[in-house]
Amino acid sequence: MSRTVHTPAGDARITWHAAAAARVVLALGHGAGGGVEAPDLRALATTLPARGITVALVEQPWRVAGKRLAPAPRTLDAAWTALWPELEKAGLPVVAGGRSAGARVACRTARETGARAVLALSFPLHPPGKPERSRAEELLGAGVPVLVVQGGRDPFGRPGEFPSGTELVEVPDGDHGFAVPKSAAVTREEALAAVVGPVGDWLLRHGPA
């Protein structure tokens, strides 16, 4: 079920994947280079409802409008916070999440929205090849429990580059989109399937009241 939500940045869209006996809502935003059709977002949306986790895939207004370039971070944050009340209508705790730029939005707005926790998929810790331009402060400043799911060869930040104490699940051999080389021991689908279980466990520990 999809629903259009008006925000100061334009119309956003939420597509619901409801759990029969939901205990928590996981809201997932997309990155700057793609939409909610990303394989990891789809894997979570199709698998987690069976565990009592409703997944809401959130499309930012720029994407709904068919634009190719994402707006400034403040515009992304404003749209996300404006649509948050729609995510709370089920009366359940809401965990904020997203991939890449969407993970940054979730971290930056977690305090303001009252998110129970943050799931950060492929968090872009720094631009490729520029570790000195770290975005660790966004991650550390979320103010709620954060789980990072990161590819082992992500050029935006490999697992070993994250601050000490970061709770992290690694996708072995995965790149920024969790694609794996043909020489890898598992396919992308198998790698994602192995990640969904630990993510679901973490959500059920930190999400429900």
Protein backbone atom coordinates (compact mmCIF):
# COMPACT_ATOMS: atom_id res chain seq x y z
CA MET A 1 0.00 0.00 0.00
CA SER A 2 1.40 3.39 -1.01
CA ARG A 3 0.48 6.77 0.39
CA THR A 4 1.44 10.26 -0.73
CA VAL A 5 2.50 12.64 2.03
CA HIS A 6 2.85 16.40 1.59
CA THR A 7 6.09 17.97 2.83
CA PRO A 8 7.68 21.42 2.49
CA ALA A 9 9.92 19.94 -0.22
CA GLY A 10 7.04 18.46 -2.23
CA ASP A 11 5.13 15.20 -2.16
CA ALA A 12 6.86 12.18 -0.66
CA ARG A 13 5.63 8.61 -0.98
CA ILE A 14 5.50 5.84 1.63
CA THR A 15 5.03 2.23 0.56
CA TRP A 16 3.98 -0.01 3.42
CA HIS A 17 4.94 -3.65 3.88
CA ALA A 18 2.82 -4.47 6.91
CA ALA A 19 3.38 -7.19 9.49
CA ALA A 20 0.33 -9.11 10.68
CA ALA A 21 1.21 -8.59 14.33
CA ALA A 22 3.60 -5.66 14.14
CA ARG A 23 5.76 -4.69 17.10
CA VAL A 24 7.77 -1.91 15.45
CA VAL A 25 7.95 0.12 12.24
CA LEU A 26 11.18 0.39 10.27
CA ALA A 27 11.21 3.45 8.00
CA LEU A 28 13.78 3.18 5.21
CA GLY A 29 14.93 6.03 3.01
CA HIS A 30 16.90 5.60 -0.21
CA GLY A 31 20.23 6.98 -1.33
CA ALA A 32 21.12 9.87 -3.61
CA GLY A 33 21.81 7.60 -6.57
CA GLY A 34 18.75 5.37 -6.54
CA GLY A 35 15.34 4.68 -5.09
CA VAL A 36 13.52 2.20 -2.89
CA GLU A 37 14.10 -0.52 -5.47
CA ALA A 38 17.63 -1.02 -4.07
CA PRO A 39 18.23 -4.74 -3.39
CA ASP A 40 18.92 -4.31 0.33
CA LEU A 41 15.80 -2.22 0.91
CA ARG A 42 13.70 -4.75 -0.99
CA ALA A 43 15.21 -7.66 0.92
CA LEU A 44 14.32 -6.08 4.24
CA ALA A 45 10.82 -5.10 3.10
CA THR A 46 9.96 -8.61 1.91
CA THR A 47 11.53 -10.51 4.81
CA LEU A 48 11.08 -8.55 8.04
CA PRO A 49 7.24 -8.41 8.18
CA ALA A 50 7.22 -12.15 8.94
CA ARG A 51 9.09 -11.27 12.16
CA GLY A 52 6.61 -8.64 13.31
CA ILE A 53 8.42 -5.67 11.78
CA THR A 54 6.43 -3.42 9.46
CA VAL A 55 8.66 -1.82 6.84
CA ALA A 56 7.86 1.58 5.32
CA LEU A 57 9.86 2.42 2.19
CA VAL A 58 10.08 6.19 1.94
CA GLU A 59 10.67 8.01 -1.35
CA GLN A 60 11.90 11.55 -0.97
CA PRO A 61 10.03 14.30 -2.93
CA TRP A 62 12.84 14.80 -5.46
CA ARG A 63 12.61 11.15 -6.41
CA VAL A 64 8.80 11.16 -6.59
CA ALA A 65 9.01 14.20 -8.88
CA GLY A 66 11.33 12.33 -11.25
CA LYS A 67 14.36 14.52 -10.65
CA ARG A 68 17.82 13.05 -11.13
CA LEU A 69 19.74 14.98 -8.48
CA ALA A 70 19.07 15.02 -4.76
CA PRO A 71 18.68 18.43 -3.08
CA ALA A 72 20.74 19.80 -0.22
CA PRO A 73 20.86 17.83 3.06
CA ARG A 74 18.69 20.39 4.87
CA THR A 75 15.93 19.84 2.29
CA LEU A 76 16.15 16.06 2.69
CA ASP A 77 15.98 16.44 6.48
CA ALA A 78 12.99 18.78 6.28
CA ALA A 79 11.02 16.35 4.13
CA TRP A 80 11.88 13.40 6.39
CA THR A 81 10.83 15.15 9.59
CA ALA A 82 7.62 16.43 7.95
CA LEU A 83 6.47 12.94 6.95
CA TRP A 84 7.41 11.37 10.28
CA PRO A 85 3.93 11.79 11.85
CA GLU A 86 2.55 9.57 9.07
CA LEU A 87 4.94 6.84 10.15
CA GLU A 88 3.70 7.10 13.75
CA LYS A 89 0.01 6.72 12.92
CA ALA A 90 0.11 2.97 13.59
CA GLY A 91 0.86 3.76 17.23
CA LEU A 92 4.09 1.73 17.17
CA PRO A 93 7.69 2.67 17.91
CA VAL A 94 9.51 3.77 14.76
CA VAL A 95 13.12 2.99 13.88
CA ALA A 96 14.63 5.35 11.32
CA GLY A 97 16.79 3.88 8.60
CA GLY A 98 18.10 4.27 5.13
CA ARG A 99 20.91 3.55 2.76
CA SER A 100 23.81 5.89 2.05
CA ALA A 101 22.43 9.46 1.98
CA GLY A 102 19.23 8.12 3.54
CA ALA A 103 21.27 6.76 6.45
CA ARG A 104 22.76 10.21 6.99
CA VAL A 105 19.28 11.75 7.06
CA ALA A 106 18.14 9.17 9.62
CA CYS A 107 21.12 9.93 11.87
CA ARG A 108 20.85 13.71 11.60
CA THR A 109 17.13 13.78 12.42
CA ALA A 110 16.87 10.98 14.99
CA ARG A 111 16.69 13.30 18.00
CA GLU A 112 14.15 15.63 16.41
CA THR A 113 11.82 12.88 15.24
CA GLY A 114 12.10 10.77 18.38
CA ALA A 115 13.23 7.69 16.45
CA ARG A 116 13.72 4.65 18.66
CA ALA A 117 16.97 3.69 16.89
CA VAL A 118 18.73 4.05 13.53
CA LEU A 119 19.59 1.40 10.94
CA ALA A 120 22.36 2.76 8.70
CA LEU A 121 22.87 0.81 5.48
CA SER A 122 26.10 1.62 3.59
CA PHE A 123 26.76 4.70 5.69
CA PRO A 124 29.00 7.02 3.60
CA LEU A 125 31.62 7.65 6.25
CA HIS A 126 33.66 9.75 3.82
CA PRO A 127 33.86 10.46 0.08
CA PRO A 128 35.87 7.78 -1.76
CA GLY A 129 39.57 8.32 -1.32
CA LYS A 130 39.09 11.18 1.14
CA PRO A 131 39.06 9.71 4.67
CA GLU A 132 39.99 13.12 6.07
CA ARG A 133 36.46 14.32 5.22
CA SER A 134 34.84 12.12 7.83
CA ARG A 135 31.11 12.21 8.58
CA ALA A 136 31.53 10.25 11.80
CA GLU A 137 29.99 13.10 13.79
CA GLU A 138 26.61 12.42 12.15
CA LEU A 139 26.80 8.79 13.18
CA LEU A 140 27.99 9.50 16.70
CA GLY A 141 25.52 12.33 17.15
CA ALA A 142 22.37 10.34 16.44
CA GLY A 143 21.62 10.10 20.15
CA VAL A 144 20.00 6.65 19.84
CA PRO A 145 21.30 3.11 19.24
CA VAL A 146 22.71 2.78 15.72
CA LEU A 147 23.43 -0.35 13.70
CA VAL A 148 25.64 0.03 10.63
CA VAL A 149 25.48 -2.54 7.83
CA GLN A 150 28.57 -2.03 5.67
CA GLY A 151 30.17 -3.74 2.72
CA GLY A 152 33.65 -5.10 3.32
CA ARG A 153 35.04 -3.18 0.34
CA ASP A 154 32.85 -0.09 0.43
CA PRO A 155 34.94 2.84 -0.90
CA PHE A 156 32.82 5.22 1.19
CA GLY A 157 34.13 3.58 4.34
CA ARG A 158 35.25 0.05 5.08
CA PRO A 159 34.13 -1.58 8.35
CA GLY A 160 37.54 -1.13 9.99
CA GLU A 161 37.41 2.64 9.45
CA PHE A 162 34.39 3.24 11.68
CA PRO A 163 34.81 4.70 15.17
CA SER A 164 35.57 2.29 17.97
CA GLY A 165 32.41 0.97 19.56
CA THR A 166 30.28 1.22 16.41
CA GLU A 167 27.81 -1.67 16.26
CA LEU A 168 28.33 -3.04 12.77
CA VAL A 169 27.33 -5.97 10.59
CA GLU A 170 29.65 -6.59 7.65
CA VAL A 171 28.58 -7.76 4.20
CA PRO A 172 31.74 -9.67 3.20
CA ASP A 173 33.17 -8.51 -0.14
CA GLY A 174 30.24 -6.12 -0.58
CA ASP A 175 30.67 -2.74 -2.25
CA HIS A 176 28.56 0.38 -1.56
CA GLY A 177 25.53 -1.30 -3.13
CA PHE A 178 26.39 -4.66 -1.48
CA ALA A 179 27.30 -6.15 -4.85
CA VAL A 180 29.99 -8.82 -4.56
CA PRO A 181 32.61 -9.90 -7.13
CA LYS A 182 32.03 -13.01 -9.22
CA SER A 183 34.89 -14.62 -7.36
CA ALA A 184 33.15 -14.22 -3.99
CA ALA A 185 32.00 -17.29 -2.10
CA VAL A 186 28.38 -16.07 -2.10
CA THR A 187 26.09 -14.09 -4.39
CA ARG A 188 24.70 -10.68 -3.49
CA GLU A 189 21.33 -12.31 -2.73
CA GLU A 190 22.96 -14.82 -0.39
CA ALA A 191 25.01 -12.09 1.28
CA LEU A 192 21.90 -9.98 1.89
CA ALA A 193 19.96 -12.97 3.19
CA ALA A 194 22.69 -13.57 5.75
CA VAL A 195 22.43 -9.94 6.92
CA VAL A 196 18.64 -9.77 7.26
CA GLY A 197 18.58 -12.15 10.22
CA PRO A 198 20.98 -10.17 12.45
CA VAL A 199 19.26 -6.92 11.43
CA GLY A 200 15.88 -8.33 12.45
CA ASP A 201 17.31 -9.50 15.78
CA TRP A 202 18.74 -6.04 16.45
CA LEU A 203 15.47 -4.30 15.52
CA LEU A 204 13.47 -6.48 17.89
CA ARG A 205 15.95 -5.73 20.70
CA HIS A 206 15.95 -1.97 20.22
CA GLY A 207 12.64 -1.13 18.52
CA PRO A 208 9.67 -2.38 20.59
CA ALA A 209 8.74 -0.56 23.78
